[in-house]
Amino acid sequence: MNSIVHFEIPVDNPKRAENFYGKAFGWMMNHMDELDYTMVGTTETNEEGMPKEPGAINGGMPKRGGPVKHTVVTISVEDIDASLKKIQELGGKTVQPKTSIGDMGFTAYFEDTEGNVVGLWAPAKM
């Protein structure tokens, strides 16, 4: 079974959104200028950066645009290419193809049969 491992909340004003979510929920913010992306910590993590609490996930806040126009959940998969192929066979469509995120892994976005945009994540093979 593939689990939801990440969320993204698109923002128009990163600083304003960081302030709002930080104060409203006590979330930790780490803005990455080079990516214009804010990593969002919602729960305590271990040495590998994985949530310690079962079922908890962390997320991010990208600038609104591209495939992330509304809140998106991201599903961890073994093989993004195989997942996108299966999604297309089932009536979904690729919104953003497989993209490398440095040495961390790969991401992609698809639209399901209901018009929702959902993310895919595959960690880099060690």
Protein backbone atom coordinates (compact mmCIF):
# COMPACT_ATOMS: atom_id res chain seq x y z
CA MET A 1 0.00 0.00 0.00
CA ASN A 2 1.32 3.47 -0.88
CA SER A 3 0.99 6.06 1.90
CA ILE A 4 0.44 9.80 1.91
CA VAL A 5 3.79 11.21 2.98
CA HIS A 6 3.66 14.95 2.31
CA PHE A 7 1.28 17.87 1.76
CA GLU A 8 1.65 21.17 -0.06
CA ILE A 9 -0.27 24.36 0.58
CA PRO A 10 0.22 26.87 -2.24
CA VAL A 11 0.84 30.46 -1.18
CA ASP A 12 0.90 33.89 -2.77
CA ASN A 13 2.99 35.51 -0.01
CA PRO A 14 5.40 33.03 1.63
CA LYS A 15 6.30 35.22 4.61
CA ARG A 16 2.66 35.94 5.40
CA ALA A 17 1.76 32.23 5.13
CA GLU A 18 4.75 31.19 7.26
CA ASN A 19 3.67 33.66 9.94
CA PHE A 20 0.04 32.51 9.81
CA TYR A 21 0.66 28.74 10.00
CA GLY A 22 3.53 29.11 12.45
CA LYS A 23 1.43 31.10 14.89
CA ALA A 24 -1.86 29.26 14.30
CA PHE A 25 -0.48 25.73 14.72
CA GLY A 26 3.06 26.06 16.07
CA TRP A 27 4.52 24.60 12.86
CA MET A 28 8.24 25.03 12.16
CA MET A 29 9.14 26.85 8.94
CA ASN A 30 12.33 26.53 6.89
CA HIS A 31 12.27 28.79 3.82
CA MET A 32 14.61 27.67 1.04
CA ASP A 33 15.35 30.77 -1.04
CA GLU A 34 16.99 28.84 -3.89
CA LEU A 35 13.75 26.88 -4.47
CA ASP A 36 11.33 29.62 -3.34
CA TYR A 37 9.79 26.88 -1.18
CA THR A 38 9.11 26.59 2.53
CA MET A 39 9.53 23.24 4.25
CA VAL A 40 6.86 22.84 6.95
CA GLY A 41 7.46 20.79 10.09
CA THR A 42 4.24 19.73 11.78
CA THR A 43 5.70 17.03 14.01
CA GLU A 44 8.97 15.97 15.64
CA THR A 45 11.34 14.05 13.33
CA ASN A 46 14.12 11.52 13.76
CA GLU A 47 17.73 11.80 12.55
CA GLU A 48 16.64 10.94 8.97
CA GLY A 49 14.00 13.69 9.02
CA MET A 50 11.09 11.23 9.19
CA PRO A 51 8.17 11.90 11.56
CA LYS A 52 8.46 10.10 14.91
CA GLU A 53 4.69 9.95 15.42
CA PRO A 54 2.93 7.21 13.42
CA GLY A 55 0.64 8.69 10.79
CA ALA A 56 2.08 12.21 11.05
CA ILE A 57 3.38 13.96 7.93
CA ASN A 58 5.26 17.15 7.21
CA GLY A 59 4.82 19.33 4.17
CA GLY A 60 5.73 22.39 2.22
CA MET A 61 4.47 25.68 0.86
CA PRO A 62 5.36 26.47 -2.76
CA LYS A 63 4.42 29.63 -4.58
CA ARG A 64 0.96 29.16 -6.09
CA GLY A 65 1.18 28.15 -9.73
CA GLY A 66 2.04 25.28 -12.01
CA PRO A 67 0.42 22.08 -10.79
CA VAL A 68 0.00 23.38 -7.22
CA LYS A 69 -2.98 25.73 -7.38
CA HIS A 70 -4.82 24.12 -4.45
CA THR A 71 -3.73 22.04 -1.46
CA VAL A 72 -2.09 18.80 -2.63
CA VAL A 73 -1.35 15.53 -0.87
CA THR A 74 1.62 13.47 -2.02
CA ILE A 75 1.75 9.68 -2.20
CA SER A 76 5.00 7.72 -1.86
CA VAL A 77 5.54 5.16 -4.65
CA GLU A 78 8.36 2.82 -5.66
CA ASP A 79 8.39 3.82 -9.34
CA ILE A 80 6.96 7.13 -10.56
CA ASP A 81 7.08 6.15 -14.24
CA ALA A 82 5.12 2.92 -13.61
CA SER A 83 2.65 4.79 -11.39
CA LEU A 84 2.03 7.48 -14.03
CA LYS A 85 1.49 4.79 -16.67
CA LYS A 86 -1.08 3.02 -14.48
CA ILE A 87 -2.77 6.34 -13.63
CA GLN A 88 -3.14 7.13 -17.34
CA GLU A 89 -4.52 3.64 -18.04
CA LEU A 90 -7.17 4.29 -15.36
CA GLY A 91 -8.26 7.63 -16.83
CA GLY A 92 -5.99 10.05 -14.98
CA LYS A 93 -3.44 12.31 -16.64
CA THR A 94 0.05 13.55 -15.94
CA VAL A 95 0.15 17.23 -14.97
CA GLN A 96 3.91 17.45 -14.33
CA PRO A 97 6.20 14.59 -15.37
CA LYS A 98 8.85 13.00 -13.18
CA THR A 99 11.22 15.69 -11.90
CA SER A 100 14.42 15.27 -9.88
CA ILE A 101 14.59 17.02 -6.50
CA GLY A 102 18.35 17.13 -6.06
CA ASP A 103 19.72 13.96 -4.50
CA MET A 104 16.58 13.45 -2.37
CA GLY A 105 14.35 11.78 -4.96
CA PHE A 106 11.76 12.44 -7.62
CA THR A 107 8.34 14.04 -7.78
CA ALA A 108 5.48 14.24 -10.28
CA TYR A 109 1.89 15.46 -10.27
CA PHE A 110 -1.21 13.88 -11.80
CA GLU A 111 -4.88 14.73 -12.15
CA ASP A 112 -7.27 12.00 -11.05
CA THR A 113 -10.59 11.15 -12.70
CA GLU A 114 -12.34 13.70 -10.43
CA GLY A 115 -10.12 16.66 -11.40
CA ASN A 116 -7.96 16.63 -8.24
CA VAL A 117 -4.23 17.21 -8.54
CA VAL A 118 -2.18 14.75 -6.44
CA GLY A 119 1.58 14.47 -6.02
CA LEU A 120 3.82 11.43 -6.31
CA TRP A 121 7.15 10.97 -4.49
CA ALA A 122 9.85 8.37 -4.94
CA PRO A 123 12.94 8.66 -2.73
CA ALA A 124 16.35 8.34 -4.38
CA LYS A 125 17.72 4.83 -4.32
CA MET A 126 20.66 4.57 -1.95
